[in-house]
Amino acid sequence: MTKFNVPDMTCGHCKMAIEKAVTAADEAADLAFDLDARTVTVSSTLDDAALAGILAKEGYPATPAG
């Protein structure tokens, strides 16, 4: 499970776009969003680099949250 900072994630549309993109690559992925903190926690079989790439491709550059 990895938590990402996603500074450009600001609304429900952002959440839906991210969820759709990640689950298209891993149907079993589990995502938990915190829009106020602009973070998403992802449990997936994909590695962190692949997940960050998916988010960036959707227009939501992300970095692992420390």
PDB file of N, CA and C in Angstrom:
ATOM      1  N   MET A   1       0.854  -1.161   0.000  1.00  0.00           N
ATOM      2  CA  MET A   1       0.000   0.000   0.000  1.00  0.00           C
ATOM      3  C   MET A   1       0.908   1.235   0.000  1.00  0.00           C
ATOM      4  N   THR A   2       0.619   2.165  -0.906  1.00  0.00           N
ATOM      5  CA  THR A   2       1.419   3.378  -1.019  1.00  0.00           C
ATOM      6  C   THR A   2       0.529   4.605  -0.984  1.00  0.00           C
ATOM      7  N   LYS A   3       0.971   5.596  -0.227  1.00  0.00           N
ATOM      8  CA  LYS A   3       0.258   6.868  -0.157  1.00  0.00           C
ATOM      9  C   LYS A   3       0.990   7.871  -1.047  1.00  0.00           C
ATOM     10  N   PHE A   4       0.231   8.532  -1.921  1.00  0.00           N
ATOM     11  CA  PHE A   4       0.796   9.518  -2.832  1.00  0.00           C
ATOM     12  C   PHE A   4       0.250  10.905  -2.529  1.00  0.00           C
ATOM     13  N   ASN A   5       1.126  11.906  -2.619  1.00  0.00           N
ATOM     14  CA  ASN A   5       0.700  13.299  -2.633  1.00  0.00           C
ATOM     15  C   ASN A   5       0.328  13.632  -4.066  1.00  0.00           C
ATOM     16  N   VAL A   6      -0.872  14.163  -4.261  1.00  0.00           N
ATOM     17  CA  VAL A   6      -1.359  14.514  -5.596  1.00  0.00           C
ATOM     18  C   VAL A   6      -1.848  15.966  -5.530  1.00  0.00           C
ATOM     19  N   PRO A   7      -0.931  16.936  -5.684  1.00  0.00           N
ATOM     20  CA  PRO A   7      -1.293  18.337  -5.468  1.00  0.00           C
ATOM     21  C   PRO A   7      -2.393  18.860  -6.383  1.00  0.00           C
ATOM     22  N   ASP A   8      -2.538  18.290  -7.574  1.00  0.00           N
ATOM     23  CA  ASP A   8      -3.546  18.779  -8.525  1.00  0.00           C
ATOM     24  C   ASP A   8      -4.912  18.124  -8.349  1.00  0.00           C
ATOM     25  N   MET A   9      -5.056  17.223  -7.391  1.00  0.00           N
ATOM     26  CA  MET A   9      -6.334  16.549  -7.134  1.00  0.00           C
ATOM     27  C   MET A   9      -7.167  17.435  -6.205  1.00  0.00           C
ATOM     28  N   THR A  10      -8.221  18.026  -6.751  1.00  0.00           N
ATOM     29  CA  THR A  10      -8.972  19.011  -5.971  1.00  0.00           C
ATOM     30  C   THR A  10     -10.464  18.732  -5.847  1.00  0.00           C
ATOM     31  N   CYS A  11     -10.987  17.758  -6.619  1.00  0.00           N
ATOM     32  CA  CYS A  11     -12.445  17.603  -6.631  1.00  0.00           C
ATOM     33  C   CYS A  11     -12.842  16.157  -6.918  1.00  0.00           C
ATOM     34  N   GLY A  12     -14.127  15.931  -6.914  1.00  0.00           N
ATOM     35  CA  GLY A  12     -14.663  14.605  -7.190  1.00  0.00           C
ATOM     36  C   GLY A  12     -14.340  14.111  -8.586  1.00  0.00           C
ATOM     37  N   HIS A  13     -14.281  15.018  -9.560  1.00  0.00           N
ATOM     38  CA  HIS A  13     -13.924  14.620 -10.927  1.00  0.00           C
ATOM     39  C   HIS A  13     -12.500  14.076 -10.954  1.00  0.00           C
ATOM     40  N   CYS A  14     -11.599  14.743 -10.245  1.00  0.00           N
ATOM     41  CA  CYS A  14     -10.214  14.277 -10.159  1.00  0.00           C
ATOM     42  C   CYS A  14     -10.180  12.860  -9.581  1.00  0.00           C
ATOM     43  N   LYS A  15     -10.918  12.668  -8.510  1.00  0.00           N
ATOM     44  CA  LYS A  15     -10.984  11.365  -7.840  1.00  0.00           C
ATOM     45  C   LYS A  15     -11.465  10.289  -8.807  1.00  0.00           C
ATOM     46  N   MET A  16     -12.533  10.580  -9.539  1.00  0.00           N
ATOM     47  CA  MET A  16     -13.082   9.596 -10.479  1.00  0.00           C
ATOM     48  C   MET A  16     -12.091   9.282 -11.593  1.00  0.00           C
ATOM     49  N   ALA A  17     -11.397  10.294 -12.112  1.00  0.00           N
ATOM     50  CA  ALA A  17     -10.428  10.078 -13.186  1.00  0.00           C
ATOM     51  C   ALA A  17      -9.274   9.204 -12.710  1.00  0.00           C
ATOM     52  N   ILE A  18      -8.792   9.467 -11.517  1.00  0.00           N
ATOM     53  CA  ILE A  18      -7.691   8.678 -10.956  1.00  0.00           C
ATOM     54  C   ILE A  18      -8.138   7.243 -10.703  1.00  0.00           C
ATOM     55  N   GLU A  19      -9.309   7.084 -10.105  1.00  0.00           N
ATOM     56  CA  GLU A  19      -9.821   5.742  -9.815  1.00  0.00           C
ATOM     57  C   GLU A  19     -10.004   4.939 -11.105  1.00  0.00           C
ATOM     58  N   LYS A  20     -10.546   5.564 -12.123  1.00  0.00           N
ATOM     59  CA  LYS A  20     -10.772   4.888 -13.402  1.00  0.00           C
ATOM     60  C   LYS A  20      -9.449   4.457 -14.034  1.00  0.00           C
ATOM     61  N   ALA A  21      -8.453   5.332 -14.011  1.00  0.00           N
ATOM     62  CA  ALA A  21      -7.164   5.022 -14.629  1.00  0.00           C
ATOM     63  C   ALA A  21      -6.447   3.890 -13.904  1.00  0.00           C
ATOM     64  N   VAL A  22      -6.439   3.936 -12.581  1.00  0.00           N
ATOM     65  CA  VAL A  22      -5.737   2.901 -11.818  1.00  0.00           C
ATOM     66  C   VAL A  22      -6.454   1.562 -11.941  1.00  0.00           C
ATOM     67  N   THR A  23      -7.774   1.552 -11.832  1.00  0.00           N
ATOM     68  CA  THR A  23      -8.496   0.279 -11.912  1.00  0.00           C
ATOM     69  C   THR A  23      -8.508  -0.286 -13.328  1.00  0.00           C
ATOM     70  N   ALA A  24      -8.267   0.545 -14.329  1.00  0.00           N
ATOM     71  CA  ALA A  24      -8.129   0.021 -15.693  1.00  0.00           C
ATOM     72  C   ALA A  24      -6.857  -0.814 -15.811  1.00  0.00           C
ATOM     73  N   ALA A  25      -5.827  -0.445 -15.055  1.00  0.00           N
ATOM     74  CA  ALA A  25      -4.564  -1.178 -15.083  1.00  0.00           C
ATOM     75  C   ALA A  25      -4.546  -2.334 -14.086  1.00  0.00           C
ATOM     76  N   ASP A  26      -5.294  -2.208 -12.999  1.00  0.00           N
ATOM     77  CA  ASP A  26      -5.372  -3.248 -11.969  1.00  0.00           C
ATOM     78  C   ASP A  26      -6.789  -3.239 -11.400  1.00  0.00           C
ATOM     79  N   GLU A  27      -7.616  -4.139 -11.905  1.00  0.00           N
ATOM     80  CA  GLU A  27      -9.027  -4.175 -11.500  1.00  0.00           C
ATOM     81  C   GLU A  27      -9.215  -4.387 -10.008  1.00  0.00           C
ATOM     82  N   ALA A  28      -8.245  -5.018  -9.356  1.00  0.00           N
ATOM     83  CA  ALA A  28      -8.365  -5.320  -7.932  1.00  0.00           C
ATOM     84  C   ALA A  28      -7.796  -4.209  -7.041  1.00  0.00           C
ATOM     85  N   ALA A  29      -7.321  -3.144  -7.635  1.00  0.00           N
ATOM     86  CA  ALA A  29      -6.728  -2.055  -6.848  1.00  0.00           C
ATOM     87  C   ALA A  29      -7.762  -1.456  -5.901  1.00  0.00           C
ATOM     88  N   ASP A  30      -7.292  -1.078  -4.729  1.00  0.00           N
ATOM     89  CA  ASP A  30      -8.140  -0.430  -3.728  1.00  0.00           C
ATOM     90  C   ASP A  30      -7.564   0.957  -3.472  1.00  0.00           C
ATOM     91  N   LEU A  31      -8.406   1.987  -3.616  1.00  0.00           N
ATOM     92  CA  LEU A  31      -7.956   3.360  -3.460  1.00  0.00           C
ATOM     93  C   LEU A  31      -8.724   4.047  -2.341  1.00  0.00           C
ATOM     94  N   ALA A  32      -8.014   4.833  -1.546  1.00  0.00           N
ATOM     95  CA  ALA A  32      -8.624   5.643  -0.488  1.00  0.00           C
ATOM     96  C   ALA A  32      -8.162   7.083  -0.695  1.00  0.00           C
ATOM     97  N   PHE A  33      -9.123   7.986  -0.806  1.00  0.00           N
ATOM     98  CA  PHE A  33      -8.832   9.379  -1.130  1.00  0.00           C
ATOM     99  C   PHE A  33      -9.016  10.286   0.071  1.00  0.00           C
ATOM    100  N   ASP A  34      -8.158  11.304   0.162  1.00  0.00           N
ATOM    101  CA  ASP A  34      -8.327  12.404   1.113  1.00  0.00           C
ATOM    102  C   ASP A  34      -8.174  13.683   0.296  1.00  0.00           C
ATOM    103  N   LEU A  35      -9.302  14.207  -0.178  1.00  0.00           N
ATOM    104  CA  LEU A  35      -9.260  15.387  -1.041  1.00  0.00           C
ATOM    105  C   LEU A  35      -8.715  16.605  -0.305  1.00  0.00           C
ATOM    106  N   ASP A  36      -9.023  16.749   0.977  1.00  0.00           N
ATOM    107  CA  ASP A  36      -8.527  17.901   1.732  1.00  0.00           C
ATOM    108  C   ASP A  36      -6.999  17.900   1.812  1.00  0.00           C
ATOM    109  N   ALA A  37      -6.428  16.727   2.042  1.00  0.00           N
ATOM    110  CA  ALA A  37      -4.971  16.596   2.134  1.00  0.00           C
ATOM    111  C   ALA A  37      -4.333  16.399   0.763  1.00  0.00           C
ATOM    112  N   ARG A  38      -5.171  16.166  -0.249  1.00  0.00           N
ATOM    113  CA  ARG A  38      -4.718  15.893  -1.619  1.00  0.00           C
ATOM    114  C   ARG A  38      -3.789  14.684  -1.663  1.00  0.00           C
ATOM    115  N   THR A  39      -4.271  13.601  -1.056  1.00  0.00           N
ATOM    116  CA  THR A  39      -3.534  12.341  -1.074  1.00  0.00           C
ATOM    117  C   THR A  39      -4.449  11.205  -1.512  1.00  0.00           C
ATOM    118  N   VAL A  40      -3.820  10.182  -2.064  1.00  0.00           N
ATOM    119  CA  VAL A  40      -4.527   8.948  -2.390  1.00  0.00           C
ATOM    120  C   VAL A  40      -3.643   7.794  -1.931  1.00  0.00           C
ATOM    121  N   THR A  41      -4.258   6.835  -1.257  1.00  0.00           N
ATOM    122  CA  THR A  41      -3.556   5.638  -0.822  1.00  0.00           C
ATOM    123  C   THR A  41      -4.024   4.499  -1.709  1.00  0.00           C
ATOM    124  N   VAL A  42      -3.053   3.798  -2.305  1.00  0.00           N
ATOM    125  CA  VAL A  42      -3.368   2.764  -3.280  1.00  0.00           C
ATOM    126  C   VAL A  42      -2.795   1.429  -2.827  1.00  0.00           C
ATOM    127  N   SER A  43      -3.651   0.417  -2.823  1.00  0.00           N
ATOM    128  CA  SER A  43      -3.228  -0.958  -2.607  1.00  0.00           C
ATOM    129  C   SER A  43      -3.390  -1.656  -3.950  1.00  0.00           C
ATOM    130  N   SER A  44      -2.265  -2.109  -4.518  1.00  0.00           N
ATOM    131  CA  SER A  44      -2.293  -2.637  -5.877  1.00  0.00           C
ATOM    132  C   SER A  44      -1.150  -3.619  -6.083  1.00  0.00           C
ATOM    133  N   THR A  45      -1.299  -4.452  -7.102  1.00  0.00           N
ATOM    134  CA  THR A  45      -0.204  -5.334  -7.494  1.00  0.00           C
ATOM    135  C   THR A  45       0.826  -4.578  -8.327  1.00  0.00           C
ATOM    136  N   LEU A  46       0.478  -3.380  -8.787  1.00  0.00           N
ATOM    137  CA  LEU A  46       1.406  -2.554  -9.557  1.00  0.00           C
ATOM    138  C   LEU A  46       2.427  -1.918  -8.623  1.00  0.00           C
ATOM    139  N   ASP A  47       3.654  -1.711  -9.128  1.00  0.00           N
ATOM    140  CA  ASP A  47       4.655  -1.066  -8.282  1.00  0.00           C
ATOM    141  C   ASP A  47       4.443   0.449  -8.254  1.00  0.00           C
ATOM    142  N   ASP A  48       5.145   1.096  -7.347  1.00  0.00           N
ATOM    143  CA  ASP A  48       4.956   2.535  -7.139  1.00  0.00           C
ATOM    144  C   ASP A  48       5.249   3.346  -8.398  1.00  0.00           C
ATOM    145  N   ALA A  49       6.284   2.962  -9.139  1.00  0.00           N
ATOM    146  CA  ALA A  49       6.638   3.695 -10.355  1.00  0.00           C
ATOM    147  C   ALA A  49       5.527   3.591 -11.391  1.00  0.00           C
ATOM    148  N   ALA A  50       4.939   2.414 -11.523  1.00  0.00           N
ATOM    149  CA  ALA A  50       3.838   2.234 -12.477  1.00  0.00           C
ATOM    150  C   ALA A  50       2.634   3.064 -12.061  1.00  0.00           C
ATOM    151  N   LEU A  51       2.326   3.062 -10.776  1.00  0.00           N
ATOM    152  CA  LEU A  51       1.195   3.853 -10.284  1.00  0.00           C
ATOM    153  C   LEU A  51       1.433   5.345 -10.510  1.00  0.00           C
ATOM    154  N   ALA A  52       2.634   5.821 -10.192  1.00  0.00           N
ATOM    155  CA  ALA A  52       2.956   7.236 -10.404  1.00  0.00           C
ATOM    156  C   ALA A  52       2.860   7.585 -11.883  1.00  0.00           C
ATOM    157  N   GLY A  53       3.282   6.670 -12.755  1.00  0.00           N
ATOM    158  CA  GLY A  53       3.181   6.898 -14.193  1.00  0.00           C
ATOM    159  C   GLY A  53       1.740   7.001 -14.659  1.00  0.00           C
ATOM    160  N   ILE A  54       0.881   6.153 -14.129  1.00  0.00           N
ATOM    161  CA  ILE A  54      -0.546   6.196 -14.478  1.00  0.00           C
ATOM    162  C   ILE A  54      -1.148   7.530 -14.046  1.00  0.00           C
ATOM    163  N   LEU A  55      -0.833   7.957 -12.831  1.00  0.00           N
ATOM    164  CA  LEU A  55      -1.356   9.226 -12.326  1.00  0.00           C
ATOM    165  C   LEU A  55      -0.860  10.391 -13.180  1.00  0.00           C
ATOM    166  N   ALA A  56       0.416  10.390 -13.519  1.00  0.00           N
ATOM    167  CA  ALA A  56       0.979  11.473 -14.332  1.00  0.00           C
ATOM    168  C   ALA A  56       0.343  11.503 -15.718  1.00  0.00           C
ATOM    169  N   LYS A  57       0.143  10.325 -16.307  1.00  0.00           N
ATOM    170  CA  LYS A  57      -0.468  10.256 -17.640  1.00  0.00           C
ATOM    171  C   LYS A  57      -1.884  10.835 -17.622  1.00  0.00           C
ATOM    172  N   GLU A  58      -2.584  10.686 -16.505  1.00  0.00           N
ATOM    173  CA  GLU A  58      -3.937  11.234 -16.367  1.00  0.00           C
ATOM    174  C   GLU A  58      -3.922  12.734 -16.078  1.00  0.00           C
ATOM    175  N   GLY A  59      -2.728  13.293 -15.865  1.00  0.00           N
ATOM    176  CA  GLY A  59      -2.622  14.722 -15.583  1.00  0.00           C
ATOM    177  C   GLY A  59      -2.529  15.053 -14.108  1.00  0.00           C
ATOM    178  N   TYR A  60      -2.215  14.039 -13.294  1.00  0.00           N
ATOM    179  CA  TYR A  60      -2.109  14.227 -11.848  1.00  0.00           C
ATOM    180  C   TYR A  60      -0.746  13.734 -11.363  1.00  0.00           C
ATOM    181  N   PRO A  61       0.309  14.514 -11.610  1.00  0.00           N
ATOM    182  CA  PRO A  61       1.633  14.089 -11.139  1.00  0.00           C
ATOM    183  C   PRO A  61       1.593  13.839  -9.634  1.00  0.00           C
ATOM    184  N   ALA A  62       2.241  12.759  -9.218  1.00  0.00           N
ATOM    185  CA  ALA A  62       2.181  12.357  -7.813  1.00  0.00           C
ATOM    186  C   ALA A  62       3.560  11.956  -7.316  1.00  0.00           C
ATOM    187  N   THR A  63       3.762  12.160  -6.030  1.00  0.00           N
ATOM    188  CA  THR A  63       4.984  11.717  -5.376  1.00  0.00           C
ATOM    189  C   THR A  63       4.593  10.916  -4.139  1.00  0.00           C
ATOM    190  N   PRO A  64       5.396   9.907  -3.802  1.00  0.00           N
ATOM    191  CA  PRO A  64       5.087   9.145  -2.592  1.00  0.00           C
ATOM    192  C   PRO A  64       5.088  10.067  -1.373  1.00  0.00           C
ATOM    193  N   ALA A  65       4.101   9.900  -0.527  1.00  0.00           N
ATOM    194  CA  ALA A  65       4.016  10.695   0.702  1.00  0.00           C
ATOM    195  C   ALA A  65       4.945  10.081   1.736  1.00  0.00           C
ATOM    196  N   GLY A  66       5.703  10.927   2.412  1.00  0.00           N
ATOM    197  CA  GLY A  66       6.673  10.441   3.391  1.00  0.00           C
ATOM    198  C   GLY A  66       6.017  10.102   4.647  1.00  0.00           C
TER     199      GLY A  66
END
